[in-house]
Amino acid sequence: MTQQHDDIQPFGGFGLGLRRTHYEDFVETDVPVDFVEVISENYMIDGGRQLRILEQVRAKHPVIIHGVSMSIGSAGGLDADYLAKLKRLERRIDPLWVSDHLCWTRTSAHNSHDLLPMPLTEEGLAAVCANIDQAQETLGRAMLFENPSSYLTFPEDELSEWEFLTEMTRRTGCYLLLDVNNIYVSAANHGFSADEYLAGLPLDRVRQIHLAGHDPATSERAVIIDTHDREVADGVWALYAKAMAMMPQPVATMIERDDHIPPLPELLAELDRARGIASDSRALEPA
């Protein structure tokens, strides 16, 4: 049975992922961001330098903790030890939000360390919703879940991804972290319309947007690869502008870079571009 949790209030800030490369910048200077996001698993520890730095950054900025290993799609349920460690981190940091991905990463005996796609079936939806209920009840708060990028689909699929996400939010009361780059990548790889995807989502449940770079398709490789190792592509910026113009409430926007991480000013310049697009999109909203 779905438990009721407090609503996640809209927040229209602009932030960056906190990475080791920029620890010193965030601790010793005033970085012009409204929040930072960290990978939960990097801080689900009992102590040490990383956790001390996160606490120092938390004293300056709201923090979102974003997981990659909850495996919300696992048929065997969630890992109790993982949830206990996540809850300890949540209590220690008091994050703005807690988020993870619509995917599975493990079986009982193996962790893939990759975000594997869900079969978009009623059976898969039931498993995901049961796991979300468990996670939200353990944490005592509603969570956000991110749409994945993917490179294959299942012949058993019964729902589109946006239909799956819509029903998931309805059944569990969770919210959405909308990764615009992932929509762009998956739409190109699977041949669906990114515009139809956006139009089919419960946009009132979106609280955050991710923007990232990808490796384009080549003559040797037909698929786009979600790499997070370069600047946001023009097509993703265009899709972001459409998404922002459609949002019925403010949403937070984050630039996500996980490899080939540039100096901080380059990421802040991309964040300024997002601010400008969001401002222009709001100006286009109907009165």
Protein backbone atom coordinates (compact mmCIF):
# COMPACT_ATOMS: atom_id res chain seq x y z
CA MET A 1 0.00 0.00 0.00
CA THR A 2 1.38 3.42 -0.97
CA GLN A 3 2.28 5.59 2.02
CA GLN A 4 1.56 9.30 2.04
CA HIS A 5 4.60 11.60 2.29
CA ASP A 6 4.99 15.35 2.29
CA ASP A 7 4.92 16.99 -1.11
CA ILE A 8 8.24 18.02 -2.65
CA GLN A 9 7.82 21.73 -3.15
CA PRO A 10 8.94 23.28 -6.48
CA PHE A 11 12.36 24.93 -6.53
CA GLY A 12 13.65 26.78 -9.58
CA GLY A 13 17.37 26.81 -8.77
CA PHE A 14 20.42 26.07 -10.94
CA GLY A 15 23.17 23.76 -9.77
CA LEU A 16 26.12 21.53 -10.54
CA GLY A 17 27.23 18.04 -9.65
CA LEU A 18 29.89 18.16 -6.93
CA ARG A 19 32.96 16.29 -8.16
CA ARG A 20 36.39 15.84 -6.54
CA THR A 21 38.00 18.08 -9.15
CA HIS A 22 36.10 21.05 -7.72
CA TYR A 23 36.15 20.27 -3.98
CA GLU A 24 38.56 23.13 -3.27
CA ASP A 25 36.47 25.60 -5.28
CA PHE A 26 33.33 24.78 -3.32
CA VAL A 27 34.99 24.73 0.10
CA GLU A 28 37.22 27.79 -0.23
CA THR A 29 35.20 30.09 -2.51
CA ASP A 30 31.62 31.21 -3.03
CA VAL A 31 30.49 29.31 -6.13
CA PRO A 32 27.42 30.95 -7.75
CA VAL A 33 25.06 27.96 -7.67
CA ASP A 34 21.74 27.40 -5.93
CA PHE A 35 22.45 23.76 -5.03
CA VAL A 36 24.85 20.88 -5.61
CA GLU A 37 24.12 17.24 -6.36
CA VAL A 38 26.28 14.33 -5.22
CA ILE A 39 26.36 10.63 -6.04
CA SER A 40 24.89 9.02 -2.93
CA GLU A 41 27.11 5.93 -2.98
CA ASN A 42 30.29 8.03 -2.75
CA TYR A 43 29.20 9.30 0.67
CA MET A 44 27.44 6.29 2.19
CA ILE A 45 30.39 5.85 4.55
CA ASP A 46 31.01 6.30 8.27
CA GLY A 47 33.56 9.11 8.00
CA GLY A 48 36.61 10.41 6.17
CA ARG A 49 37.63 13.37 4.04
CA GLN A 50 34.87 13.06 1.43
CA LEU A 51 32.12 13.15 4.01
CA ARG A 52 33.74 16.07 5.85
CA ILE A 53 33.93 18.02 2.60
CA LEU A 54 30.29 17.26 1.83
CA GLU A 55 29.31 18.59 5.25
CA GLN A 56 31.32 21.76 4.60
CA VAL A 57 29.61 22.23 1.24
CA ARG A 58 26.23 21.49 2.83
CA ALA A 59 26.81 24.41 5.20
CA LYS A 60 26.88 26.67 2.12
CA HIS A 61 24.45 25.07 -0.33
CA PRO A 62 21.40 22.80 -0.41
CA VAL A 63 22.46 19.28 -1.43
CA ILE A 64 20.62 16.69 -3.53
CA ILE A 65 21.76 13.08 -3.06
CA HIS A 66 21.43 11.12 -6.29
CA GLY A 67 21.86 7.35 -6.30
CA VAL A 68 23.00 4.93 -8.99
CA SER A 69 22.67 1.59 -7.16
CA MET A 70 19.25 1.40 -5.50
CA SER A 71 18.14 -0.88 -8.35
CA ILE A 72 14.51 0.16 -8.08
CA GLY A 73 13.62 -2.34 -10.81
CA SER A 74 15.00 -5.43 -9.07
CA ALA A 75 12.43 -8.22 -9.04
CA GLY A 76 13.75 -9.51 -5.71
CA GLY A 77 13.17 -6.24 -3.86
CA LEU A 78 15.60 -3.70 -2.46
CA ASP A 79 18.76 -4.35 -0.49
CA ALA A 80 18.08 -3.61 3.20
CA ASP A 81 21.72 -2.78 3.95
CA TYR A 82 21.82 -0.29 1.10
CA LEU A 83 18.65 1.41 2.34
CA ALA A 84 20.03 1.62 5.89
CA LYS A 85 23.22 3.31 4.67
CA LEU A 86 21.25 5.69 2.48
CA LYS A 87 19.01 6.60 5.40
CA ARG A 88 22.06 7.36 7.60
CA LEU A 89 23.41 9.68 4.90
CA GLU A 90 20.01 11.31 4.46
CA ARG A 91 19.79 12.03 8.19
CA ARG A 92 23.34 13.32 8.35
CA ILE A 93 23.08 15.69 5.35
CA ASP A 94 19.38 16.60 5.42
CA PRO A 95 19.30 16.84 1.62
CA LEU A 96 16.94 18.93 -0.42
CA TRP A 97 15.88 15.77 -2.30
CA VAL A 98 16.82 12.11 -2.66
CA SER A 99 16.76 10.64 -6.16
CA ASP A 100 17.70 7.55 -8.15
CA HIS A 101 17.05 5.99 -11.58
CA LEU A 102 14.30 3.96 -13.19
CA CYS A 103 16.48 0.93 -13.87
CA TRP A 104 17.88 -2.20 -12.31
CA THR A 105 21.54 -2.79 -11.51
CA ARG A 106 21.74 -6.08 -9.64
CA THR A 107 20.48 -9.56 -9.04
CA SER A 108 20.90 -11.28 -5.69
CA ALA A 109 24.38 -12.44 -6.66
CA HIS A 110 25.70 -9.80 -9.04
CA ASN A 111 25.92 -6.02 -9.35
CA SER A 112 26.31 -4.86 -12.94
CA HIS A 113 27.47 -1.33 -12.00
CA ASP A 114 25.40 -0.18 -14.96
CA LEU A 115 21.92 1.33 -15.29
CA LEU A 116 20.07 -1.47 -17.07
CA PRO A 117 16.72 -0.79 -18.81
CA MET A 118 13.40 -1.97 -17.47
CA PRO A 119 10.96 -4.10 -19.43
CA LEU A 120 8.04 -1.71 -19.76
CA THR A 121 5.39 -4.21 -18.68
CA GLU A 122 2.63 -4.31 -16.08
CA GLU A 123 4.67 -6.88 -14.15
CA GLY A 124 7.73 -4.60 -14.22
CA LEU A 125 5.61 -1.62 -13.16
CA ALA A 126 4.22 -3.52 -10.17
CA ALA A 127 7.73 -4.47 -9.03
CA VAL A 128 9.03 -0.91 -9.42
CA CYS A 129 6.09 0.57 -7.50
CA ALA A 130 6.48 -1.92 -4.64
CA ASN A 131 10.17 -1.03 -4.39
CA ILE A 132 9.49 2.71 -4.50
CA ASP A 133 6.95 2.30 -1.70
CA GLN A 134 9.58 0.47 0.36
CA ALA A 135 12.28 3.08 -0.30
CA GLN A 136 10.01 6.04 0.46
CA GLU A 137 8.70 4.41 3.63
CA THR A 138 12.25 3.69 4.83
CA LEU A 139 13.37 7.26 4.19
CA GLY A 140 10.13 8.82 5.38
CA ARG A 141 10.03 11.10 2.35
CA ALA A 142 9.00 11.12 -1.29
CA MET A 143 11.77 10.52 -3.83
CA LEU A 144 12.55 11.59 -7.39
CA PHE A 145 13.28 9.04 -10.11
CA GLU A 146 15.16 9.73 -13.33
CA ASN A 147 14.24 8.52 -16.79
CA PRO A 148 17.12 6.44 -18.19
CA SER A 149 18.96 6.54 -21.49
CA SER A 150 18.74 3.19 -23.25
CA TYR A 151 20.06 1.28 -26.23
CA LEU A 152 17.56 -1.58 -26.49
CA THR A 153 13.90 -2.32 -25.92
CA PHE A 154 12.11 -5.56 -25.02
CA PRO A 155 9.64 -7.33 -27.31
CA GLU A 156 7.42 -7.82 -24.24
CA ASP A 157 7.01 -4.05 -23.70
CA GLU A 158 3.37 -3.09 -23.12
CA LEU A 159 3.79 0.63 -22.31
CA SER A 160 5.75 3.55 -23.62
CA GLU A 161 8.34 4.87 -21.19
CA TRP A 162 6.29 8.00 -20.57
CA GLU A 163 3.19 5.91 -19.83
CA PHE A 164 5.24 3.80 -17.42
CA LEU A 165 6.57 6.91 -15.62
CA THR A 166 3.11 8.47 -15.46
CA GLU A 167 1.55 5.42 -13.83
CA MET A 168 4.56 5.03 -11.52
CA THR A 169 4.09 8.52 -10.11
CA ARG A 170 0.33 8.01 -9.77
CA ARG A 171 0.66 4.76 -7.82
CA THR A 172 3.54 5.76 -5.50
CA GLY A 173 3.37 9.54 -5.11
CA CYS A 174 7.00 9.85 -6.23
CA TYR A 175 8.30 12.70 -8.37
CA LEU A 176 10.36 12.86 -11.55
CA LEU A 177 13.90 13.91 -12.28
CA LEU A 178 13.67 14.61 -16.01
CA ASP A 179 16.95 14.00 -17.80
CA VAL A 180 16.51 15.89 -21.07
CA ASN A 181 19.70 14.45 -22.55
CA ASN A 182 18.40 10.93 -21.85
CA ILE A 183 15.15 11.70 -23.66
CA TYR A 184 17.15 13.00 -26.62
CA VAL A 185 19.45 9.93 -26.64
CA SER A 186 16.67 7.35 -26.28
CA ALA A 187 14.43 9.05 -28.83
CA ALA A 188 17.23 8.95 -31.39
CA ASN A 189 18.16 5.36 -30.56
CA HIS A 190 14.60 3.98 -30.62
CA GLY A 191 12.92 6.25 -33.16
CA PHE A 192 10.21 7.77 -30.98
CA SER A 193 9.31 11.45 -30.76
CA ALA A 194 10.92 13.44 -27.95
CA ASP A 195 8.04 15.91 -28.24
CA GLU A 196 5.50 13.10 -27.74
CA TYR A 197 7.50 11.90 -24.74
CA LEU A 198 7.33 15.33 -23.09
CA ALA A 199 3.65 15.75 -23.92
CA GLY A 200 2.83 12.37 -22.36
CA LEU A 201 4.49 13.01 -18.98
CA PRO A 202 2.81 14.30 -15.81
CA LEU A 203 4.89 17.48 -15.91
CA ASP A 204 3.42 18.65 -12.62
CA ARG A 205 5.46 15.84 -10.98
CA VAL A 206 8.80 17.06 -12.37
CA ARG A 207 11.00 18.75 -9.79
CA GLN A 208 14.45 18.61 -11.42
CA ILE A 209 16.07 18.51 -14.85
CA HIS A 210 19.48 17.07 -15.76
CA LEU A 211 21.48 18.35 -18.73
CA ALA A 212 24.53 16.46 -19.98
CA GLY A 213 26.60 15.66 -23.04
CA HIS A 214 26.60 12.54 -25.20
CA ASP A 215 28.70 10.79 -27.83
CA PRO A 216 26.93 11.20 -31.21
CA ALA A 217 26.24 8.34 -33.57
CA THR A 218 28.88 7.60 -36.20
CA SER A 219 29.06 5.80 -39.51
CA GLU A 220 30.32 2.74 -37.60
CA ARG A 221 27.90 3.03 -34.64
CA ALA A 222 24.23 3.84 -35.13
CA VAL A 223 23.37 4.59 -31.50
CA ILE A 224 24.04 7.69 -29.42
CA ILE A 225 25.90 6.95 -26.18
CA ASP A 226 25.08 8.82 -22.97
CA THR A 227 28.60 9.67 -21.75
CA HIS A 228 28.39 12.80 -19.53
CA ASP A 229 31.90 13.66 -20.70
CA ARG A 230 31.38 16.74 -22.86
CA GLU A 231 29.31 19.90 -23.21
CA VAL A 232 25.55 19.80 -23.72
CA ALA A 233 24.66 19.36 -27.42
CA ASP A 234 22.60 21.94 -29.32
CA GLY A 235 19.75 19.48 -29.84
CA VAL A 236 19.53 18.90 -26.09
CA TRP A 237 19.48 22.65 -25.43
CA ALA A 238 16.59 22.98 -27.88
CA LEU A 239 14.69 20.18 -26.15
CA TYR A 240 15.38 21.79 -22.77
CA ALA A 241 13.84 25.04 -24.02
CA LYS A 242 10.69 23.15 -25.07
CA ALA A 243 10.52 21.34 -21.74
CA MET A 244 10.93 24.51 -19.70
CA ALA A 245 8.20 26.28 -21.67
CA MET A 246 5.83 23.39 -20.85
CA MET A 247 6.50 23.18 -17.10
CA PRO A 248 3.53 24.24 -14.95
CA GLN A 249 5.83 25.02 -11.99
CA PRO A 250 9.47 26.00 -11.38
CA VAL A 251 11.97 23.15 -11.70
CA ALA A 252 15.62 22.88 -10.69
CA THR A 253 18.20 22.49 -13.46
CA MET A 254 21.61 20.85 -13.14
CA ILE A 255 24.60 20.42 -15.46
CA GLU A 256 25.94 16.88 -15.09
CA ARG A 257 29.57 16.07 -15.99
CA ASP A 258 31.22 12.82 -14.88
CA ASP A 259 34.32 12.49 -17.06
CA HIS A 260 36.74 14.86 -18.79
CA ILE A 261 35.64 17.37 -16.16
CA PRO A 262 36.65 20.91 -17.20
CA PRO A 263 37.61 23.86 -14.99
CA LEU A 264 34.70 25.18 -12.99
CA PRO A 265 34.23 28.37 -15.07
CA GLU A 266 33.34 26.26 -18.14
CA LEU A 267 30.56 24.48 -16.26
CA LEU A 268 29.32 27.75 -14.80
CA ALA A 269 29.13 29.16 -18.33
CA GLU A 270 26.91 26.24 -19.36
CA LEU A 271 24.79 26.83 -16.28
CA ASP A 272 24.41 30.48 -17.29
CA ARG A 273 23.19 29.29 -20.69
CA ALA A 274 20.56 27.19 -18.92
CA ARG A 275 19.51 30.20 -16.86
CA GLY A 276 19.09 32.24 -20.04
CA ILE A 277 17.04 29.56 -21.79
CA ALA A 278 14.83 29.11 -18.73
CA SER A 279 14.27 32.85 -18.50
CA ASP A 280 13.38 33.07 -22.21
CA SER A 281 11.03 30.08 -21.87
CA ARG A 282 9.17 31.68 -18.99
CA ALA A 283 8.74 34.80 -21.07
CA LEU A 284 7.00 32.70 -23.72
CA GLU A 285 4.50 31.15 -21.29
CA PRO A 286 0.88 32.14 -21.95
CA ALA A 287 -0.56 34.74 -19.57
